[in-house]
Amino acid sequence: MSLFPSRLIITSSSESSENKIKELLEELHHQLSNDPDLFILNDYTIAAVRSLKKFLSQKPFNHDTKVVYLPQVQNLNIESQNALLKTLEEPGENNYLLLTTSNPSLLLPTILSRCQKIRLNYTENKEKTVLWPITGNPKKDLDFATTITMDKTQIKSLLLSQLNQYHQNFILDPKPVTAKIIKKLIKAVNLIDSNVDPKSALDYFFLK
């Protein structure tokens, strides 16, 4: 089978995404419903992600292959993404993972690098992302951030997008200061996942 073990479909259209998934499943002689050798991840907890290993380690019932389908994989938090990374690195023989996302900037660069990417009706924003802290002055940056009205999801998305950008910068030019910022961003995201007030997580990033 010529299909790459892990494929990531990138599109903002749910219809296009589902159609492509069906196409890839047909190529593997699978179907989207009533398929015992297909695991669809609808739970984004780390426990659910870890359970993929057990599913893939078992012999298939009716097929030569086993498939995991992860829709909107950007909904996984950092810890769950890291757990998924282990499966992407070693999916096992004749095992395939099909992922979809409408926002690849929320995914870890290591996940992106381990998937063959398929872009459908997707126009990537080529403008350079402004890295925070903006001024380099923690007090000024915090004052600026507190003037922005954002909910929990928006703040987390902001932090994750910055995490992705700093990861890319670190790969190109590994500096200790960039590594420290990455650690702060990961901690800030984890605070939000632990139900800490999102503004407090943002404050942590700027002031810690």
N, C-alpha and C. Protein backbone atom coordinates (compact mmCIF):
# COMPACT_ATOMS: atom_id res chain seq x y z
N MET A 1 0.85 -1.20 0.00
CA MET A 1 0.00 0.00 0.00
C MET A 1 0.89 1.24 0.00
N SER A 2 0.62 2.15 -0.92
CA SER A 2 1.44 3.34 -1.08
C SER A 2 1.06 4.47 -0.14
N LEU A 3 -0.06 4.31 0.57
CA LEU A 3 -0.54 5.38 1.44
C LEU A 3 0.45 5.65 2.56
N PHE A 4 0.76 6.93 2.76
CA PHE A 4 1.65 7.33 3.85
C PHE A 4 1.01 6.94 5.18
N PRO A 5 1.76 6.42 6.16
CA PRO A 5 1.16 5.94 7.42
C PRO A 5 0.33 6.99 8.16
N SER A 6 0.73 8.26 8.09
CA SER A 6 -0.01 9.32 8.78
C SER A 6 -0.27 10.46 7.82
N ARG A 7 -1.55 10.81 7.67
CA ARG A 7 -1.92 11.91 6.77
C ARG A 7 -2.76 12.93 7.52
N LEU A 8 -2.47 14.20 7.25
CA LEU A 8 -3.18 15.31 7.89
C LEU A 8 -3.91 16.11 6.82
N ILE A 9 -5.24 16.13 6.91
CA ILE A 9 -6.05 16.90 5.97
C ILE A 9 -6.30 18.27 6.57
N ILE A 10 -5.94 19.31 5.83
CA ILE A 10 -6.06 20.68 6.31
C ILE A 10 -7.10 21.41 5.47
N THR A 11 -8.20 21.78 6.09
CA THR A 11 -9.25 22.51 5.39
C THR A 11 -10.23 23.10 6.39
N SER A 12 -10.83 24.20 6.02
CA SER A 12 -11.86 24.81 6.87
C SER A 12 -13.24 24.28 6.53
N SER A 13 -13.34 23.44 5.51
CA SER A 13 -14.62 22.89 5.08
C SER A 13 -14.80 21.49 5.64
N SER A 14 -15.81 21.31 6.50
CA SER A 14 -16.07 20.00 7.07
C SER A 14 -16.52 19.00 6.00
N GLU A 15 -17.22 19.50 5.00
CA GLU A 15 -17.68 18.62 3.92
C GLU A 15 -16.51 18.09 3.11
N SER A 16 -15.59 18.97 2.76
CA SER A 16 -14.40 18.56 2.00
C SER A 16 -13.57 17.58 2.81
N SER A 17 -13.46 17.85 4.10
CA SER A 17 -12.69 16.99 4.98
C SER A 17 -13.27 15.58 5.03
N GLU A 18 -14.58 15.48 5.22
CA GLU A 18 -15.22 14.17 5.31
C GLU A 18 -15.14 13.42 3.99
N ASN A 19 -15.30 14.12 2.89
CA ASN A 19 -15.21 13.47 1.58
C ASN A 19 -13.81 12.90 1.35
N LYS A 20 -12.79 13.65 1.77
CA LYS A 20 -11.42 13.17 1.59
C LYS A 20 -11.15 11.97 2.49
N ILE A 21 -11.69 12.01 3.70
CA ILE A 21 -11.52 10.88 4.61
C ILE A 21 -12.15 9.62 4.01
N LYS A 22 -13.34 9.75 3.46
CA LYS A 22 -14.00 8.61 2.82
C LYS A 22 -13.17 8.07 1.66
N GLU A 23 -12.59 8.98 0.90
CA GLU A 23 -11.75 8.58 -0.23
C GLU A 23 -10.54 7.78 0.23
N LEU A 24 -9.88 8.27 1.28
CA LEU A 24 -8.69 7.57 1.80
C LEU A 24 -9.06 6.23 2.42
N LEU A 25 -10.20 6.18 3.09
CA LEU A 25 -10.65 4.91 3.67
C LEU A 25 -10.95 3.89 2.59
N GLU A 26 -11.57 4.33 1.52
CA GLU A 26 -11.86 3.43 0.40
C GLU A 26 -10.56 2.88 -0.20
N GLU A 27 -9.56 3.73 -0.24
CA GLU A 27 -8.26 3.29 -0.76
C GLU A 27 -7.69 2.17 0.11
N LEU A 28 -8.03 2.20 1.39
CA LEU A 28 -7.57 1.17 2.32
C LEU A 28 -8.59 0.05 2.48
N HIS A 29 -9.68 0.11 1.70
CA HIS A 29 -10.76 -0.88 1.75
C HIS A 29 -11.48 -0.86 3.10
N HIS A 30 -11.61 0.35 3.64
CA HIS A 30 -12.37 0.56 4.88
C HIS A 30 -13.57 1.44 4.57
N GLN A 31 -14.46 1.56 5.55
CA GLN A 31 -15.60 2.45 5.42
C GLN A 31 -15.79 3.23 6.72
N LEU A 32 -16.49 4.35 6.62
CA LEU A 32 -16.60 5.26 7.76
C LEU A 32 -17.50 4.74 8.86
N SER A 33 -18.45 3.89 8.54
CA SER A 33 -19.37 3.36 9.55
C SER A 33 -19.34 1.83 9.57
N ASN A 34 -19.66 1.27 10.73
CA ASN A 34 -19.73 -0.19 10.91
C ASN A 34 -18.46 -0.89 10.46
N ASP A 35 -17.35 -0.35 10.91
CA ASP A 35 -16.04 -0.91 10.56
C ASP A 35 -15.29 -1.21 11.86
N PRO A 36 -15.15 -2.49 12.22
CA PRO A 36 -14.49 -2.84 13.49
C PRO A 36 -13.00 -2.53 13.51
N ASP A 37 -12.43 -2.30 12.35
CA ASP A 37 -10.99 -2.02 12.28
C ASP A 37 -10.70 -0.53 12.08
N LEU A 38 -11.73 0.28 12.34
CA LEU A 38 -11.57 1.74 12.29
C LEU A 38 -11.87 2.31 13.66
N PHE A 39 -10.95 3.10 14.19
CA PHE A 39 -11.13 3.77 15.48
C PHE A 39 -11.29 5.26 15.22
N ILE A 40 -12.46 5.81 15.59
CA ILE A 40 -12.70 7.24 15.43
C ILE A 40 -12.57 7.91 16.79
N LEU A 41 -11.62 8.82 16.92
CA LEU A 41 -11.39 9.50 18.19
C LEU A 41 -12.35 10.67 18.35
N ASN A 42 -13.31 10.51 19.25
CA ASN A 42 -14.26 11.59 19.53
C ASN A 42 -14.06 12.17 20.93
N ASP A 43 -13.10 11.63 21.64
CA ASP A 43 -12.77 12.08 22.99
C ASP A 43 -11.34 12.59 22.96
N TYR A 44 -11.15 13.86 23.36
CA TYR A 44 -9.84 14.47 23.20
C TYR A 44 -8.99 14.42 24.47
N THR A 45 -9.33 13.52 25.39
CA THR A 45 -8.55 13.38 26.62
C THR A 45 -7.28 12.59 26.35
N ILE A 46 -6.32 12.74 27.23
CA ILE A 46 -5.06 12.01 27.06
C ILE A 46 -5.28 10.51 27.21
N ALA A 47 -6.25 10.10 28.05
CA ALA A 47 -6.55 8.68 28.21
C ALA A 47 -7.04 8.07 26.89
N ALA A 48 -7.88 8.82 26.18
CA ALA A 48 -8.39 8.33 24.90
C ALA A 48 -7.27 8.21 23.88
N VAL A 49 -6.38 9.19 23.87
CA VAL A 49 -5.26 9.16 22.93
C VAL A 49 -4.35 7.97 23.22
N ARG A 50 -4.11 7.71 24.48
CA ARG A 50 -3.25 6.57 24.86
C ARG A 50 -3.89 5.24 24.50
N SER A 51 -5.21 5.19 24.45
CA SER A 51 -5.91 3.94 24.13
C SER A 51 -5.70 3.55 22.67
N LEU A 52 -5.24 4.50 21.85
CA LEU A 52 -4.99 4.18 20.44
C LEU A 52 -3.92 3.11 20.30
N LYS A 53 -2.94 3.12 21.17
CA LYS A 53 -1.86 2.14 21.13
C LYS A 53 -2.42 0.72 21.26
N LYS A 54 -3.35 0.56 22.20
CA LYS A 54 -3.94 -0.77 22.43
C LYS A 54 -4.72 -1.23 21.21
N PHE A 55 -5.50 -0.31 20.63
CA PHE A 55 -6.29 -0.65 19.44
C PHE A 55 -5.39 -1.07 18.29
N LEU A 56 -4.32 -0.33 18.07
CA LEU A 56 -3.43 -0.62 16.94
C LEU A 56 -2.58 -1.87 17.17
N SER A 57 -2.42 -2.27 18.42
CA SER A 57 -1.61 -3.45 18.72
C SER A 57 -2.37 -4.76 18.49
N GLN A 58 -3.70 -4.66 18.39
CA GLN A 58 -4.53 -5.85 18.18
C GLN A 58 -4.63 -6.19 16.70
N LYS A 59 -4.85 -7.48 16.41
CA LYS A 59 -4.98 -7.90 15.02
C LYS A 59 -6.31 -7.42 14.45
N PRO A 60 -6.33 -7.04 13.18
CA PRO A 60 -7.59 -6.60 12.56
C PRO A 60 -8.59 -7.75 12.45
N PHE A 61 -9.89 -7.39 12.45
CA PHE A 61 -10.95 -8.40 12.36
C PHE A 61 -11.22 -8.80 10.91
N ASN A 62 -11.49 -7.82 10.06
CA ASN A 62 -11.96 -8.10 8.70
C ASN A 62 -11.07 -7.52 7.61
N HIS A 63 -9.95 -6.91 7.99
CA HIS A 63 -9.10 -6.23 7.01
C HIS A 63 -7.64 -6.62 7.20
N ASP A 64 -6.84 -6.19 6.26
CA ASP A 64 -5.39 -6.37 6.38
C ASP A 64 -4.75 -5.22 7.15
N THR A 65 -5.54 -4.15 7.36
CA THR A 65 -5.01 -2.96 8.01
C THR A 65 -5.95 -2.47 9.11
N LYS A 66 -5.41 -1.60 9.95
CA LYS A 66 -6.23 -0.92 10.95
C LYS A 66 -6.03 0.59 10.76
N VAL A 67 -7.10 1.36 11.02
CA VAL A 67 -7.06 2.79 10.76
C VAL A 67 -7.58 3.56 11.96
N VAL A 68 -6.91 4.65 12.28
CA VAL A 68 -7.37 5.58 13.31
C VAL A 68 -7.72 6.89 12.64
N TYR A 69 -8.90 7.39 12.93
CA TYR A 69 -9.37 8.67 12.36
C TYR A 69 -9.52 9.68 13.49
N LEU A 70 -8.79 10.79 13.39
CA LEU A 70 -8.81 11.82 14.42
C LEU A 70 -9.31 13.14 13.81
N PRO A 71 -10.61 13.42 13.92
CA PRO A 71 -11.14 14.67 13.37
C PRO A 71 -10.80 15.87 14.25
N GLN A 72 -10.50 17.00 13.61
CA GLN A 72 -10.19 18.24 14.31
C GLN A 72 -9.17 18.02 15.43
N VAL A 73 -8.04 17.51 15.04
CA VAL A 73 -7.01 17.10 15.99
C VAL A 73 -6.45 18.28 16.78
N GLN A 74 -6.67 19.52 16.32
CA GLN A 74 -6.17 20.69 17.05
C GLN A 74 -6.88 20.86 18.40
N ASN A 75 -7.97 20.11 18.63
CA ASN A 75 -8.68 20.19 19.90
C ASN A 75 -7.94 19.47 21.03
N LEU A 76 -6.91 18.71 20.70
CA LEU A 76 -6.10 18.06 21.72
C LEU A 76 -5.24 19.10 22.43
N ASN A 77 -5.12 18.98 23.75
CA ASN A 77 -4.23 19.88 24.47
C ASN A 77 -2.78 19.43 24.27
N ILE A 78 -1.85 20.18 24.81
CA ILE A 78 -0.43 19.91 24.59
C ILE A 78 -0.04 18.51 25.07
N GLU A 79 -0.53 18.13 26.24
CA GLU A 79 -0.19 16.82 26.79
C GLU A 79 -0.71 15.70 25.88
N SER A 80 -1.94 15.86 25.41
CA SER A 80 -2.53 14.85 24.53
C SER A 80 -1.82 14.81 23.18
N GLN A 81 -1.40 15.96 22.68
CA GLN A 81 -0.64 15.99 21.42
C GLN A 81 0.68 15.27 21.56
N ASN A 82 1.33 15.44 22.71
CA ASN A 82 2.59 14.74 22.93
C ASN A 82 2.37 13.23 23.00
N ALA A 83 1.24 12.81 23.59
CA ALA A 83 0.92 11.39 23.65
C ALA A 83 0.66 10.85 22.25
N LEU A 84 -0.03 11.63 21.42
CA LEU A 84 -0.30 11.23 20.04
C LEU A 84 0.99 11.11 19.24
N LEU A 85 1.93 11.96 19.55
CA LEU A 85 3.21 11.97 18.83
C LEU A 85 3.88 10.60 18.90
N LYS A 86 3.78 9.94 20.04
CA LYS A 86 4.40 8.62 20.20
C LYS A 86 3.78 7.60 19.25
N THR A 87 2.46 7.71 19.05
CA THR A 87 1.78 6.80 18.13
C THR A 87 2.15 7.12 16.68
N LEU A 88 2.28 8.42 16.37
CA LEU A 88 2.67 8.81 15.01
C LEU A 88 4.08 8.33 14.68
N GLU A 89 4.94 8.31 15.68
CA GLU A 89 6.32 7.88 15.46
C GLU A 89 6.41 6.39 15.21
N GLU A 90 5.54 5.61 15.89
CA GLU A 90 5.56 4.15 15.74
C GLU A 90 4.13 3.62 15.62
N PRO A 91 3.50 3.82 14.45
CA PRO A 91 2.12 3.38 14.29
C PRO A 91 1.96 1.87 14.23
N GLY A 92 3.03 1.18 13.88
CA GLY A 92 2.96 -0.27 13.73
C GLY A 92 2.72 -0.65 12.27
N GLU A 93 3.06 -1.86 11.93
CA GLU A 93 2.95 -2.32 10.55
C GLU A 93 1.49 -2.41 10.12
N ASN A 94 1.19 -1.91 8.93
CA ASN A 94 -0.15 -1.94 8.35
C ASN A 94 -1.18 -1.14 9.16
N ASN A 95 -0.70 -0.15 9.90
CA ASN A 95 -1.59 0.75 10.64
C ASN A 95 -1.50 2.15 10.03
N TYR A 96 -2.65 2.83 9.99
CA TYR A 96 -2.70 4.15 9.37
C TYR A 96 -3.48 5.13 10.25
N LEU A 97 -3.02 6.37 10.25
CA LEU A 97 -3.69 7.42 11.01
C LEU A 97 -4.10 8.53 10.06
N LEU A 98 -5.37 8.89 10.09
CA LEU A 98 -5.91 9.96 9.27
C LEU A 98 -6.37 11.08 10.19
N LEU A 99 -5.77 12.25 10.05
CA LEU A 99 -6.07 13.39 10.91
C LEU A 99 -6.66 14.52 10.08
N THR A 100 -7.54 15.29 10.70
CA THR A 100 -8.04 16.50 10.03
C THR A 100 -7.88 17.68 10.98
N THR A 101 -7.73 18.86 10.40
CA THR A 101 -7.66 20.08 11.20
C THR A 101 -8.10 21.27 10.36
N SER A 102 -8.73 22.21 11.02
CA SER A 102 -9.07 23.48 10.37
C SER A 102 -8.12 24.58 10.81
N ASN A 103 -7.20 24.24 11.73
CA ASN A 103 -6.25 25.24 12.24
C ASN A 103 -4.92 24.57 12.58
N PRO A 104 -4.07 24.34 11.59
CA PRO A 104 -2.80 23.66 11.84
C PRO A 104 -1.84 24.42 12.75
N SER A 105 -2.05 25.74 12.92
CA SER A 105 -1.16 26.53 13.78
C SER A 105 -1.28 26.11 15.24
N LEU A 106 -2.35 25.38 15.59
CA LEU A 106 -2.54 24.93 16.97
C LEU A 106 -1.90 23.58 17.23
N LEU A 107 -1.25 23.01 16.22
CA LEU A 107 -0.61 21.71 16.37
C LEU A 107 0.88 21.87 16.61
N LEU A 108 1.44 20.95 17.37
CA LEU A 108 2.88 20.96 17.59
C LEU A 108 3.61 20.75 16.27
N PRO A 109 4.71 21.45 16.07
CA PRO A 109 5.49 21.27 14.83
C PRO A 109 5.91 19.83 14.61
N THR A 110 6.15 19.09 15.70
CA THR A 110 6.58 17.70 15.57
C THR A 110 5.46 16.83 15.01
N ILE A 111 4.21 17.17 15.31
CA ILE A 111 3.09 16.43 14.72
C ILE A 111 3.00 16.75 13.24
N LEU A 112 3.10 18.02 12.89
CA LEU A 112 3.04 18.42 11.49
C LEU A 112 4.14 17.75 10.67
N SER A 113 5.32 17.62 11.25
CA SER A 113 6.45 17.07 10.50
C SER A 113 6.33 15.57 10.26
N ARG A 114 5.50 14.91 11.04
CA ARG A 114 5.36 13.45 10.92
C ARG A 114 4.15 13.02 10.10
N CYS A 115 3.47 13.99 9.51
CA CYS A 115 2.29 13.69 8.70
C CYS A 115 2.47 14.19 7.28
N GLN A 116 1.95 13.43 6.34
CA GLN A 116 1.86 13.94 4.97
C GLN A 116 0.65 14.86 4.92
N LYS A 117 0.87 16.10 4.54
CA LYS A 117 -0.20 17.12 4.62
C LYS A 117 -0.94 17.24 3.30
N ILE A 118 -2.27 17.27 3.41
CA ILE A 118 -3.15 17.44 2.25
C ILE A 118 -3.99 18.69 2.50
N ARG A 119 -3.77 19.73 1.71
CA ARG A 119 -4.51 20.97 1.88
C ARG A 119 -5.67 21.02 0.89
N LEU A 120 -6.87 21.25 1.42
CA LEU A 120 -8.08 21.31 0.60
C LEU A 120 -8.74 22.68 0.75
N ASN A 121 -8.82 23.42 -0.33
CA ASN A 121 -9.48 24.73 -0.29
C ASN A 121 -8.98 25.56 0.89
N TYR A 122 -7.69 25.54 1.08
CA TYR A 122 -7.10 26.19 2.26
C TYR A 122 -6.10 27.23 1.82
N THR A 123 -6.29 28.45 2.26
CA THR A 123 -5.36 29.53 1.96
C THR A 123 -4.62 29.92 3.22
N GLU A 124 -3.36 29.63 3.25
CA GLU A 124 -2.58 29.90 4.45
C GLU A 124 -2.23 31.38 4.54
N ASN A 125 -2.32 31.91 5.72
CA ASN A 125 -1.96 33.31 5.95
C ASN A 125 -0.45 33.46 5.90
N LYS A 126 0.04 34.18 4.89
CA LYS A 126 1.49 34.30 4.71
C LYS A 126 2.08 35.45 5.52
N GLU A 127 1.23 36.24 6.18
CA GLU A 127 1.75 37.35 6.96
C GLU A 127 2.50 36.84 8.18
N LYS A 128 3.57 37.49 8.51
CA LYS A 128 4.37 37.08 9.66
C LYS A 128 3.61 37.32 10.95
N THR A 129 3.59 36.31 11.79
CA THR A 129 2.93 36.43 13.07
C THR A 129 3.77 37.27 14.01
N VAL A 130 3.16 38.23 14.68
CA VAL A 130 3.87 39.07 15.64
C VAL A 130 4.11 38.27 16.90
N LEU A 131 5.35 38.13 17.27
CA LEU A 131 5.69 37.37 18.46
C LEU A 131 5.53 38.23 19.71
N TRP A 132 4.96 37.62 20.74
CA TRP A 132 4.85 38.28 22.02
C TRP A 132 5.94 37.74 22.91
N PRO A 133 6.45 38.50 23.89
CA PRO A 133 6.11 39.88 24.23
C PRO A 133 6.36 40.85 23.08
N ILE A 134 5.51 41.84 22.96
CA ILE A 134 5.56 42.76 21.84
C ILE A 134 6.67 43.80 22.02
N THR A 135 6.71 44.45 23.19
CA THR A 135 7.67 45.54 23.41
C THR A 135 8.94 45.07 24.10
N GLY A 136 8.88 43.90 24.72
CA GLY A 136 10.00 43.45 25.53
C GLY A 136 9.92 43.96 26.95
N ASN A 137 8.97 44.85 27.21
CA ASN A 137 8.74 45.38 28.55
C ASN A 137 7.52 44.66 29.13
N PRO A 138 7.70 43.78 30.14
CA PRO A 138 6.59 42.98 30.67
C PRO A 138 5.40 43.82 31.11
N LYS A 139 5.66 44.98 31.75
CA LYS A 139 4.56 45.82 32.23
C LYS A 139 3.74 46.36 31.07
N LYS A 140 4.41 46.87 30.03
CA LYS A 140 3.70 47.40 28.87
C LYS A 140 2.94 46.31 28.13
N ASP A 141 3.56 45.13 28.01
CA ASP A 141 2.90 44.03 27.32
C ASP A 141 1.66 43.57 28.09
N LEU A 142 1.76 43.53 29.41
CA LEU A 142 0.62 43.13 30.22
C LEU A 142 -0.50 44.16 30.11
N ASP A 143 -0.15 45.43 30.14
CA ASP A 143 -1.15 46.49 29.99
C ASP A 143 -1.87 46.36 28.65
N PHE A 144 -1.10 46.02 27.60
CA PHE A 144 -1.70 45.86 26.28
C PHE A 144 -2.65 44.66 26.26
N ALA A 145 -2.20 43.55 26.86
CA ALA A 145 -3.01 42.33 26.85
C ALA A 145 -4.32 42.51 27.61
N THR A 146 -4.30 43.26 28.69
CA THR A 146 -5.51 43.44 29.49
C THR A 146 -6.53 44.33 28.80
N THR A 147 -6.11 45.01 27.73
CA THR A 147 -7.07 45.83 26.99
C THR A 147 -7.81 45.01 25.94
N ILE A 148 -7.37 43.76 25.73
CA ILE A 148 -7.98 42.90 24.72
C ILE A 148 -9.06 42.04 25.38
N THR A 149 -10.26 42.04 24.82
CA THR A 149 -11.34 41.21 25.34
C THR A 149 -11.33 39.87 24.62
N MET A 150 -10.91 38.82 25.32
CA MET A 150 -10.85 37.49 24.72
C MET A 150 -11.39 36.47 25.72
N ASP A 151 -12.06 35.43 25.20
CA ASP A 151 -12.53 34.38 26.07
C ASP A 151 -11.45 33.31 26.22
N LYS A 152 -11.79 32.24 26.94
CA LYS A 152 -10.81 31.18 27.23
C LYS A 152 -10.25 30.57 25.95
N THR A 153 -11.13 30.25 25.01
CA THR A 153 -10.71 29.61 23.77
C THR A 153 -9.79 30.51 22.96
N GLN A 154 -10.10 31.80 22.92
CA GLN A 154 -9.28 32.74 22.15
C GLN A 154 -7.90 32.91 22.77
N ILE A 155 -7.86 33.00 24.11
CA ILE A 155 -6.57 33.15 24.79
C ILE A 155 -5.70 31.91 24.58
N LYS A 156 -6.33 30.73 24.70
CA LYS A 156 -5.57 29.49 24.49
C LYS A 156 -5.07 29.41 23.06
N SER A 157 -5.92 29.78 22.11
CA SER A 157 -5.51 29.75 20.70
C SER A 157 -4.34 30.70 20.46
N LEU A 158 -4.39 31.87 21.10
CA LEU A 158 -3.30 32.83 20.98
C LEU A 158 -2.00 32.25 21.50
N LEU A 159 -2.05 31.65 22.69
CA LEU A 159 -0.85 31.08 23.28
C LEU A 159 -0.31 29.92 22.44
N LEU A 160 -1.21 29.08 21.92
CA LEU A 160 -0.78 27.95 21.12
C LEU A 160 -0.17 28.41 19.79
N SER A 161 -0.75 29.44 19.20
CA SER A 161 -0.19 29.95 17.94
C SER A 161 1.20 30.53 18.18
N GLN A 162 1.38 31.21 19.32
CA GLN A 162 2.71 31.73 19.65
C GLN A 162 3.68 30.60 19.94
N LEU A 163 3.18 29.54 20.59
CA LEU A 163 4.03 28.39 20.88
C LEU A 163 4.53 27.76 19.59
N ASN A 164 3.63 27.64 18.62
CA ASN A 164 4.01 27.09 17.33
C ASN A 164 5.06 27.97 16.64
N GLN A 165 4.87 29.28 16.71
CA GLN A 165 5.81 30.20 16.06
C GLN A 165 7.19 30.15 16.72
N TYR A 166 7.21 30.11 18.06
CA TYR A 166 8.50 30.04 18.76
C TYR A 166 9.19 28.71 18.53
N HIS A 167 8.38 27.63 18.40
CA HIS A 167 8.97 26.33 18.09
C HIS A 167 9.70 26.40 16.75
N GLN A 168 9.04 27.00 15.76
CA GLN A 168 9.65 27.12 14.44
C GLN A 168 10.94 27.94 14.51
N ASN A 169 10.90 29.03 15.27
CA ASN A 169 12.10 29.87 15.41
C ASN A 169 13.23 29.11 16.09
N PHE A 170 12.87 28.29 17.09
CA PHE A 170 13.89 27.54 17.82
C PHE A 170 14.56 26.51 16.93
N ILE A 171 13.78 25.89 16.03
CA ILE A 171 14.34 24.91 15.10
C ILE A 171 15.36 25.57 14.18
N LEU A 172 15.02 26.77 13.71
CA LEU A 172 15.90 27.50 12.80
C LEU A 172 17.10 28.11 13.52
N ASP A 173 16.88 28.57 14.75
CA ASP A 173 17.94 29.26 15.49
C ASP A 173 17.79 28.97 16.99
N PRO A 174 18.31 27.83 17.43
CA PRO A 174 18.13 27.42 18.83
C PRO A 174 18.88 28.32 19.81
N LYS A 175 18.14 29.12 20.55
CA LYS A 175 18.73 30.01 21.54
C LYS A 175 18.10 29.72 22.91
N PRO A 176 18.88 29.86 23.99
CA PRO A 176 18.35 29.61 25.33
C PRO A 176 17.14 30.48 25.67
N VAL A 177 17.15 31.74 25.23
CA VAL A 177 16.04 32.63 25.55
C VAL A 177 14.74 32.14 24.89
N THR A 178 14.86 31.60 23.67
CA THR A 178 13.67 31.07 22.98
C THR A 178 13.16 29.84 23.70
N ALA A 179 14.07 28.99 24.18
CA ALA A 179 13.67 27.79 24.91
C ALA A 179 12.91 28.16 26.20
N LYS A 180 13.37 29.23 26.87
CA LYS A 180 12.70 29.68 28.09
C LYS A 180 11.28 30.17 27.78
N ILE A 181 11.13 30.89 26.66
CA ILE A 181 9.80 31.39 26.28
C ILE A 181 8.88 30.22 25.97
N ILE A 182 9.39 29.20 25.28
CA ILE A 182 8.60 28.01 24.95
C ILE A 182 8.10 27.34 26.23
N LYS A 183 8.98 27.21 27.22
CA LYS A 183 8.59 26.59 28.48
C LYS A 183 7.49 27.40 29.18
N LYS A 184 7.61 28.72 29.12
CA LYS A 184 6.59 29.58 29.73
C LYS A 184 5.25 29.44 29.02
N LEU A 185 5.29 29.35 27.70
CA LEU A 185 4.06 29.20 26.93
C LEU A 185 3.38 27.87 27.24
N ILE A 186 4.17 26.80 27.31
CA ILE A 186 3.61 25.48 27.64
C ILE A 186 2.97 25.50 29.02
N LYS A 187 3.64 26.15 29.98
CA LYS A 187 3.11 26.25 31.33
C LYS A 187 1.81 27.05 31.33
N ALA A 188 1.76 28.14 30.57
CA ALA A 188 0.55 28.97 30.51
C ALA A 188 -0.62 28.19 29.93
N VAL A 189 -0.37 27.41 28.88
CA VAL A 189 -1.43 26.59 28.28
C VAL A 189 -1.90 25.53 29.27
N ASN A 190 -0.96 24.91 29.98
CA ASN A 190 -1.32 23.89 30.98
C ASN A 190 -2.15 24.49 32.11
N LEU A 191 -1.88 25.74 32.45
CA LEU A 191 -2.68 26.40 33.49
C LEU A 191 -4.13 26.53 33.03
N ILE A 192 -4.33 26.89 31.77
CA ILE A 192 -5.69 27.00 31.24
C ILE A 192 -6.37 25.64 31.24
N ASP A 193 -5.63 24.58 30.85
CA ASP A 193 -6.19 23.23 30.84
C ASP A 193 -6.52 22.75 32.25
N SER A 194 -5.88 23.37 33.26
CA SER A 194 -6.16 23.02 34.66
C SER A 194 -7.25 23.92 35.26
N ASN A 195 -7.95 24.63 34.35
CA ASN A 195 -9.08 25.50 34.74
C ASN A 195 -8.66 26.72 35.54
N VAL A 196 -7.40 27.13 35.38
CA VAL A 196 -6.98 28.41 35.94
C VAL A 196 -7.56 29.52 35.06
N ASP A 197 -7.90 30.65 35.66
CA ASP A 197 -8.45 31.76 34.90
C ASP A 197 -7.53 32.09 33.72
N PRO A 198 -8.07 32.13 32.50
CA PRO A 198 -7.23 32.36 31.31
C PRO A 198 -6.40 33.65 31.38
N LYS A 199 -6.98 34.71 31.95
CA LYS A 199 -6.23 35.96 32.09
C LYS A 199 -5.03 35.78 33.02
N SER A 200 -5.20 34.93 34.04
CA SER A 200 -4.10 34.67 34.95
C SER A 200 -2.99 33.92 34.22
N ALA A 201 -3.37 33.01 33.32
CA ALA A 201 -2.38 32.28 32.53
C ALA A 201 -1.64 33.24 31.62
N LEU A 202 -2.36 34.20 31.06
CA LEU A 202 -1.74 35.21 30.21
C LEU A 202 -0.79 36.08 31.04
N ASP A 203 -1.23 36.44 32.26
CA ASP A 203 -0.37 37.22 33.15
C ASP A 203 0.91 36.46 33.46
N TYR A 204 0.79 35.14 33.67
CA TYR A 204 1.96 34.30 33.96
C TYR A 204 2.97 34.40 32.84
N PHE A 205 2.48 34.33 31.61
CA PHE A 205 3.38 34.38 30.46
C PHE A 205 4.15 35.68 30.41
N PHE A 206 3.47 36.79 30.71
CA PHE A 206 4.11 38.10 30.60
C PHE A 206 5.01 38.42 31.80
N LEU A 207 4.60 37.98 33.00
CA LEU A 207 5.26 38.48 34.21
C LEU A 207 6.21 37.47 34.85
N LYS A 208 6.01 36.16 34.58
CA LYS A 208 6.83 35.17 35.29
C LYS A 208 8.31 35.38 35.00
